[in-house]
N, C-alpha and C. Protein backbone atom coordinates (compact mmCIF):
# COMPACT_ATOMS: atom_id res chain seq x y z
N UNK A 1 -18.25 -7.52 10.15
CA UNK A 1 -17.00 -8.13 9.76
C UNK A 1 -15.93 -7.81 10.80
N UNK A 2 -15.11 -8.80 11.09
CA UNK A 2 -13.98 -8.53 11.98
C UNK A 2 -12.82 -7.95 11.16
N UNK A 3 -11.76 -7.59 11.86
CA UNK A 3 -10.62 -6.92 11.20
C UNK A 3 -10.01 -7.75 10.08
N UNK A 4 -9.80 -9.02 10.33
CA UNK A 4 -9.21 -9.90 9.32
C UNK A 4 -10.12 -10.01 8.09
N UNK A 5 -11.40 -10.15 8.32
CA UNK A 5 -12.35 -10.22 7.20
C UNK A 5 -12.35 -8.93 6.39
N UNK A 6 -12.23 -7.80 7.07
CA UNK A 6 -12.17 -6.51 6.37
C UNK A 6 -10.91 -6.42 5.50
N UNK A 7 -9.78 -6.86 6.06
CA UNK A 7 -8.53 -6.82 5.29
C UNK A 7 -8.64 -7.72 4.06
N UNK A 8 -9.22 -8.89 4.21
CA UNK A 8 -9.39 -9.80 3.07
C UNK A 8 -10.34 -9.20 2.04
N UNK A 9 -11.41 -8.56 2.50
CA UNK A 9 -12.37 -7.94 1.58
C UNK A 9 -11.70 -6.80 0.80
N UNK A 10 -10.89 -5.99 1.49
CA UNK A 10 -10.18 -4.91 0.80
C UNK A 10 -9.26 -5.47 -0.27
N UNK A 11 -8.59 -6.59 0.03
CA UNK A 11 -7.72 -7.23 -0.97
C UNK A 11 -8.52 -7.72 -2.16
N UNK A 12 -9.67 -8.33 -1.90
CA UNK A 12 -10.52 -8.80 -3.00
C UNK A 12 -10.94 -7.65 -3.89
N UNK A 13 -11.35 -6.54 -3.28
CA UNK A 13 -11.75 -5.37 -4.06
C UNK A 13 -10.59 -4.80 -4.86
N UNK A 14 -9.42 -4.74 -4.24
CA UNK A 14 -8.23 -4.24 -4.92
C UNK A 14 -7.89 -5.12 -6.13
N UNK A 15 -7.91 -6.43 -5.92
CA UNK A 15 -7.63 -7.35 -7.03
C UNK A 15 -8.68 -7.21 -8.13
N UNK A 16 -9.94 -7.09 -7.73
CA UNK A 16 -11.02 -6.95 -8.72
C UNK A 16 -10.87 -5.66 -9.52
N UNK A 17 -10.41 -4.61 -8.85
CA UNK A 17 -10.24 -3.32 -9.53
C UNK A 17 -9.27 -3.43 -10.68
N UNK A 18 -8.19 -4.19 -10.50
CA UNK A 18 -7.19 -4.33 -11.55
C UNK A 18 -7.66 -5.21 -12.70
N UNK A 19 -8.72 -5.97 -12.46
CA UNK A 19 -9.26 -6.83 -13.51
C UNK A 19 -10.46 -6.21 -14.22
N UNK A 20 -10.93 -5.08 -13.70
CA UNK A 20 -12.16 -4.47 -14.22
C UNK A 20 -11.95 -2.96 -14.37
N UNK A 21 -11.35 -2.56 -15.47
CA UNK A 21 -11.02 -1.14 -15.64
C UNK A 21 -12.26 -0.25 -15.62
N UNK A 22 -13.38 -0.79 -16.03
CA UNK A 22 -14.63 -0.02 -16.04
C UNK A 22 -15.05 0.39 -14.63
N UNK A 23 -14.79 -0.48 -13.67
CA UNK A 23 -15.20 -0.23 -12.28
C UNK A 23 -14.01 0.00 -11.35
N UNK A 24 -12.84 0.23 -11.93
CA UNK A 24 -11.62 0.35 -11.13
C UNK A 24 -11.74 1.44 -10.06
N UNK A 25 -12.21 2.60 -10.43
CA UNK A 25 -12.30 3.72 -9.48
C UNK A 25 -13.21 3.35 -8.30
N UNK A 26 -14.38 2.84 -8.58
CA UNK A 26 -15.33 2.49 -7.53
C UNK A 26 -14.78 1.41 -6.61
N UNK A 27 -14.21 0.38 -7.20
CA UNK A 27 -13.67 -0.72 -6.40
C UNK A 27 -12.49 -0.28 -5.54
N UNK A 28 -11.64 0.58 -6.10
CA UNK A 28 -10.50 1.10 -5.35
C UNK A 28 -10.97 1.95 -4.18
N UNK A 29 -11.96 2.79 -4.42
CA UNK A 29 -12.48 3.63 -3.34
C UNK A 29 -13.14 2.79 -2.25
N UNK A 30 -13.80 1.71 -2.64
CA UNK A 30 -14.41 0.81 -1.65
C UNK A 30 -13.31 0.15 -0.80
N UNK A 31 -12.25 -0.31 -1.45
CA UNK A 31 -11.14 -0.92 -0.72
C UNK A 31 -10.52 0.09 0.24
N UNK A 32 -10.31 1.31 -0.23
CA UNK A 32 -9.73 2.36 0.61
C UNK A 32 -10.63 2.65 1.82
N UNK A 33 -11.93 2.69 1.61
CA UNK A 33 -12.87 2.96 2.70
C UNK A 33 -12.79 1.86 3.77
N UNK A 34 -12.68 0.63 3.34
CA UNK A 34 -12.57 -0.47 4.29
C UNK A 34 -11.27 -0.35 5.09
N UNK A 35 -10.17 -0.05 4.41
CA UNK A 35 -8.89 0.09 5.10
C UNK A 35 -8.91 1.27 6.06
N UNK A 36 -9.54 2.36 5.67
CA UNK A 36 -9.67 3.52 6.56
C UNK A 36 -10.49 3.14 7.80
N UNK A 37 -11.52 2.33 7.61
CA UNK A 37 -12.33 1.85 8.72
C UNK A 37 -11.50 1.00 9.68
N UNK A 38 -10.69 0.11 9.13
CA UNK A 38 -9.81 -0.72 9.96
C UNK A 38 -8.89 0.19 10.78
N UNK A 39 -8.34 1.21 10.14
CA UNK A 39 -7.40 2.10 10.84
C UNK A 39 -8.10 2.98 11.88
N UNK A 40 -9.37 3.27 11.70
CA UNK A 40 -10.10 4.00 12.73
C UNK A 40 -10.21 3.16 13.99
N UNK A 41 -10.39 1.85 13.81
CA UNK A 41 -10.52 0.94 14.94
C UNK A 41 -9.15 0.56 15.52
N UNK A 42 -8.16 0.45 14.65
CA UNK A 42 -6.82 0.03 15.06
C UNK A 42 -5.79 0.81 14.25
N UNK A 43 -5.41 1.99 14.72
CA UNK A 43 -4.49 2.85 13.96
C UNK A 43 -3.11 2.24 13.73
N UNK A 44 -2.81 1.16 14.43
CA UNK A 44 -1.50 0.53 14.28
C UNK A 44 -1.56 -0.78 13.49
N UNK A 45 -2.57 -0.93 12.67
CA UNK A 45 -2.65 -2.14 11.85
C UNK A 45 -1.71 -1.96 10.65
N UNK A 46 -0.58 -2.63 10.70
CA UNK A 46 0.46 -2.45 9.69
C UNK A 46 0.01 -2.90 8.30
N UNK A 47 -0.81 -3.93 8.22
CA UNK A 47 -1.31 -4.39 6.91
C UNK A 47 -2.19 -3.30 6.29
N UNK A 48 -3.10 -2.74 7.08
CA UNK A 48 -3.98 -1.69 6.55
C UNK A 48 -3.17 -0.45 6.17
N UNK A 49 -2.17 -0.10 6.97
CA UNK A 49 -1.32 1.04 6.64
C UNK A 49 -0.57 0.81 5.34
N UNK A 50 -0.03 -0.40 5.16
CA UNK A 50 0.72 -0.72 3.95
C UNK A 50 -0.19 -0.69 2.72
N UNK A 51 -1.36 -1.27 2.84
CA UNK A 51 -2.26 -1.35 1.68
C UNK A 51 -2.89 -0.01 1.34
N UNK A 52 -3.28 0.76 2.35
CA UNK A 52 -3.82 2.09 2.07
C UNK A 52 -2.72 2.98 1.49
N UNK A 53 -1.50 2.80 1.98
CA UNK A 53 -0.37 3.52 1.38
C UNK A 53 -0.19 3.19 -0.09
N UNK A 54 -0.38 1.92 -0.43
CA UNK A 54 -0.28 1.51 -1.84
C UNK A 54 -1.38 2.16 -2.67
N UNK A 55 -2.59 2.18 -2.14
CA UNK A 55 -3.70 2.81 -2.87
C UNK A 55 -3.44 4.30 -3.05
N UNK A 56 -2.99 4.98 -2.00
CA UNK A 56 -2.69 6.41 -2.12
C UNK A 56 -1.57 6.64 -3.13
N UNK A 57 -0.57 5.78 -3.12
CA UNK A 57 0.52 5.90 -4.09
C UNK A 57 -0.02 5.76 -5.51
N UNK A 58 -0.89 4.78 -5.71
CA UNK A 58 -1.47 4.58 -7.04
C UNK A 58 -2.26 5.78 -7.51
N UNK A 59 -2.73 6.59 -6.59
CA UNK A 59 -3.52 7.78 -6.91
C UNK A 59 -2.65 9.04 -6.87
N UNK A 60 -1.31 8.84 -6.84
CA UNK A 60 -0.32 9.93 -6.83
C UNK A 60 -0.45 10.82 -5.59
N UNK A 61 -0.94 10.25 -4.50
CA UNK A 61 -1.01 10.95 -3.21
C UNK A 61 0.21 10.51 -2.39
N UNK A 62 1.38 10.85 -2.93
CA UNK A 62 2.62 10.31 -2.42
C UNK A 62 2.94 10.72 -0.98
N UNK A 63 2.70 11.96 -0.63
CA UNK A 63 3.04 12.39 0.73
C UNK A 63 2.15 11.68 1.75
N UNK A 64 0.88 11.55 1.46
CA UNK A 64 -0.01 10.82 2.36
C UNK A 64 0.38 9.35 2.44
N UNK A 65 0.72 8.80 1.30
CA UNK A 65 1.16 7.40 1.25
C UNK A 65 2.42 7.22 2.10
N UNK A 66 3.36 8.14 1.95
CA UNK A 66 4.60 8.05 2.70
C UNK A 66 4.35 8.07 4.21
N UNK A 67 3.44 8.93 4.66
CA UNK A 67 3.12 8.98 6.09
C UNK A 67 2.60 7.63 6.59
N UNK A 68 1.70 7.02 5.84
CA UNK A 68 1.15 5.73 6.24
C UNK A 68 2.22 4.65 6.25
N UNK A 69 3.02 4.62 5.20
CA UNK A 69 4.03 3.58 5.08
C UNK A 69 5.12 3.73 6.15
N UNK A 70 5.49 4.95 6.44
CA UNK A 70 6.50 5.16 7.49
C UNK A 70 5.96 4.76 8.86
N UNK A 71 4.66 4.96 9.06
CA UNK A 71 4.06 4.52 10.32
C UNK A 71 4.13 3.00 10.43
N UNK A 72 3.84 2.29 9.34
CA UNK A 72 3.95 0.83 9.36
C UNK A 72 5.39 0.41 9.62
N UNK A 73 6.32 1.12 9.03
CA UNK A 73 7.75 0.82 9.24
C UNK A 73 8.14 1.02 10.71
N UNK A 74 7.63 2.08 11.33
CA UNK A 74 7.94 2.34 12.74
C UNK A 74 7.38 1.24 13.65
N UNK A 75 6.38 0.53 13.16
CA UNK A 75 5.80 -0.58 13.93
C UNK A 75 6.64 -1.85 13.77
N UNK A 76 7.78 -1.71 13.09
CA UNK A 76 8.69 -2.84 12.83
C UNK A 76 8.02 -3.93 12.01
N UNK A 77 7.17 -3.53 11.08
CA UNK A 77 6.51 -4.48 10.20
C UNK A 77 7.52 -4.92 9.15
N UNK A 78 7.79 -6.18 9.11
CA UNK A 78 8.78 -6.74 8.19
C UNK A 78 8.04 -7.38 7.02
N UNK A 79 7.88 -6.60 5.95
CA UNK A 79 7.10 -7.05 4.80
C UNK A 79 7.71 -6.51 3.52
N UNK A 80 7.86 -7.38 2.55
CA UNK A 80 8.43 -6.99 1.28
C UNK A 80 7.61 -5.89 0.60
N UNK A 81 6.29 -6.00 0.63
CA UNK A 81 5.47 -4.99 -0.04
C UNK A 81 5.54 -3.63 0.65
N UNK A 82 5.69 -3.61 1.96
CA UNK A 82 5.87 -2.33 2.65
C UNK A 82 7.09 -1.61 2.09
N UNK A 83 8.20 -2.31 1.99
CA UNK A 83 9.44 -1.67 1.52
C UNK A 83 9.41 -1.40 0.02
N UNK A 84 8.76 -2.25 -0.75
CA UNK A 84 8.58 -1.94 -2.18
C UNK A 84 7.76 -0.66 -2.33
N UNK A 85 6.69 -0.57 -1.54
CA UNK A 85 5.82 0.61 -1.62
C UNK A 85 6.56 1.87 -1.18
N UNK A 86 7.39 1.75 -0.16
CA UNK A 86 8.22 2.90 0.23
C UNK A 86 9.14 3.30 -0.93
N UNK A 87 9.68 2.32 -1.65
CA UNK A 87 10.51 2.62 -2.80
C UNK A 87 9.74 3.29 -3.92
N UNK A 88 8.55 2.79 -4.18
CA UNK A 88 7.72 3.37 -5.25
C UNK A 88 7.31 4.79 -4.91
N UNK A 89 6.91 5.02 -3.66
CA UNK A 89 6.54 6.36 -3.24
C UNK A 89 7.75 7.29 -3.31
N UNK A 90 8.91 6.79 -2.93
CA UNK A 90 10.13 7.61 -3.01
C UNK A 90 10.42 8.01 -4.45
N UNK A 91 10.20 7.12 -5.39
CA UNK A 91 10.37 7.48 -6.81
C UNK A 91 9.38 8.57 -7.18
N UNK A 92 8.13 8.40 -6.75
CA UNK A 92 7.12 9.41 -7.04
C UNK A 92 7.47 10.78 -6.48
N UNK A 93 8.20 10.78 -5.36
CA UNK A 93 8.63 12.02 -4.73
C UNK A 93 10.01 12.48 -5.22
N UNK A 94 10.55 11.78 -6.22
CA UNK A 94 11.86 12.11 -6.82
C UNK A 94 13.00 11.93 -5.82
N UNK A 95 12.89 10.92 -4.97
CA UNK A 95 13.92 10.62 -3.98
C UNK A 95 14.55 9.27 -4.35
N UNK A 96 15.31 9.30 -5.41
CA UNK A 96 15.83 8.07 -5.99
C UNK A 96 16.78 7.30 -5.06
N UNK A 97 17.60 8.00 -4.30
CA UNK A 97 18.52 7.30 -3.39
C UNK A 97 17.75 6.54 -2.32
N UNK A 98 16.73 7.19 -1.77
CA UNK A 98 15.89 6.51 -0.78
C UNK A 98 15.21 5.30 -1.41
N UNK A 99 14.71 5.48 -2.62
CA UNK A 99 14.02 4.39 -3.31
C UNK A 99 14.93 3.18 -3.44
N UNK A 100 16.16 3.41 -3.86
CA UNK A 100 17.12 2.31 -4.03
C UNK A 100 17.31 1.57 -2.71
N UNK A 101 17.45 2.31 -1.63
CA UNK A 101 17.63 1.70 -0.31
C UNK A 101 16.43 0.82 0.04
N UNK A 102 15.23 1.34 -0.18
CA UNK A 102 14.03 0.57 0.16
C UNK A 102 13.89 -0.69 -0.71
N UNK A 103 14.21 -0.57 -2.00
CA UNK A 103 14.13 -1.74 -2.87
C UNK A 103 15.15 -2.80 -2.47
N UNK A 104 16.33 -2.36 -2.05
CA UNK A 104 17.34 -3.32 -1.59
C UNK A 104 16.86 -4.05 -0.34
N UNK A 105 16.27 -3.33 0.60
CA UNK A 105 15.74 -3.97 1.81
C UNK A 105 14.61 -4.93 1.43
N UNK A 106 13.73 -4.50 0.54
CA UNK A 106 12.60 -5.35 0.13
C UNK A 106 13.07 -6.67 -0.45
N UNK A 107 14.18 -6.64 -1.16
CA UNK A 107 14.68 -7.86 -1.81
C UNK A 107 15.12 -8.92 -0.80
N UNK A 108 15.28 -8.53 0.45
CA UNK A 108 15.71 -9.49 1.49
C UNK A 108 14.53 -10.02 2.30
N UNK A 109 13.32 -9.59 1.97
CA UNK A 109 12.15 -9.92 2.79
C UNK A 109 11.16 -10.80 2.05
N UNK A 110 10.25 -11.35 2.83
CA UNK A 110 9.12 -12.11 2.30
C UNK A 110 7.89 -11.20 2.27
N UNK A 111 7.00 -11.51 1.37
CA UNK A 111 5.76 -10.77 1.22
C UNK A 111 4.70 -11.31 2.20
N UNK A 112 4.06 -10.42 2.93
CA UNK A 112 2.96 -10.81 3.82
C UNK A 112 1.77 -11.20 2.94
N UNK A 113 1.04 -12.21 3.33
CA UNK A 113 -0.05 -12.72 2.49
C UNK A 113 -1.20 -11.73 2.28
N UNK A 114 -1.33 -10.73 3.14
CA UNK A 114 -2.45 -9.80 3.03
C UNK A 114 -2.07 -8.41 2.51
N UNK A 115 -0.79 -8.21 2.18
CA UNK A 115 -0.41 -6.89 1.66
C UNK A 115 -0.30 -6.94 0.14
N UNK A 116 -0.38 -5.75 -0.45
CA UNK A 116 -0.17 -5.68 -1.89
C UNK A 116 0.76 -4.53 -2.24
N UNK A 117 1.28 -4.63 -3.45
CA UNK A 117 2.27 -3.68 -3.94
C UNK A 117 1.61 -2.56 -4.72
N UNK A 118 2.12 -1.36 -4.52
CA UNK A 118 1.68 -0.21 -5.32
C UNK A 118 2.12 -0.42 -6.76
N UNK A 119 1.43 0.24 -7.66
CA UNK A 119 1.75 0.19 -9.08
C UNK A 119 2.65 1.37 -9.42
N UNK A 120 3.56 1.12 -10.32
CA UNK A 120 4.37 2.23 -10.81
C UNK A 120 4.50 2.10 -12.33
N UNK A 121 4.25 3.20 -13.00
CA UNK A 121 4.40 3.25 -14.45
C UNK A 121 5.65 4.07 -14.75
N UNK A 122 6.74 3.38 -15.02
CA UNK A 122 8.00 4.07 -15.25
C UNK A 122 7.95 4.94 -16.51
N UNK A 123 7.07 4.64 -17.42
CA UNK A 123 6.95 5.45 -18.64
C UNK A 123 6.30 6.80 -18.34
N UNK A 124 5.53 6.87 -17.27
CA UNK A 124 4.85 8.13 -16.93
C UNK A 124 5.72 9.06 -16.11
N UNK A 125 6.87 8.58 -15.67
CA UNK A 125 7.74 9.42 -14.83
C UNK A 125 8.56 10.38 -15.64
């Protein structure tokens, strides 16, 4: 598979995970493995950084997620989901002011077709 095919496959697995709670863990780990593979080949792939950051955020690995997302940001990746994910991770890290800033920036952007948003359960906070 080429890089684009891998990114699309990771998205398919991520989407499938949210539709199949019984296999969510396995599908999420498969998606993460594909994204990690993409980043081994191309450490500056902003889509893979954004999506792996979302997966890490969903698994409450906020500091790791933040590192990935900030790297995508440094690459000047202009994507709504990148900034939403930065906001979600900031909430997870109890950095509410930063979160607000990221959500405001996200509201001015378009979503890249291959990125996805991290999940946040406000009731669990």
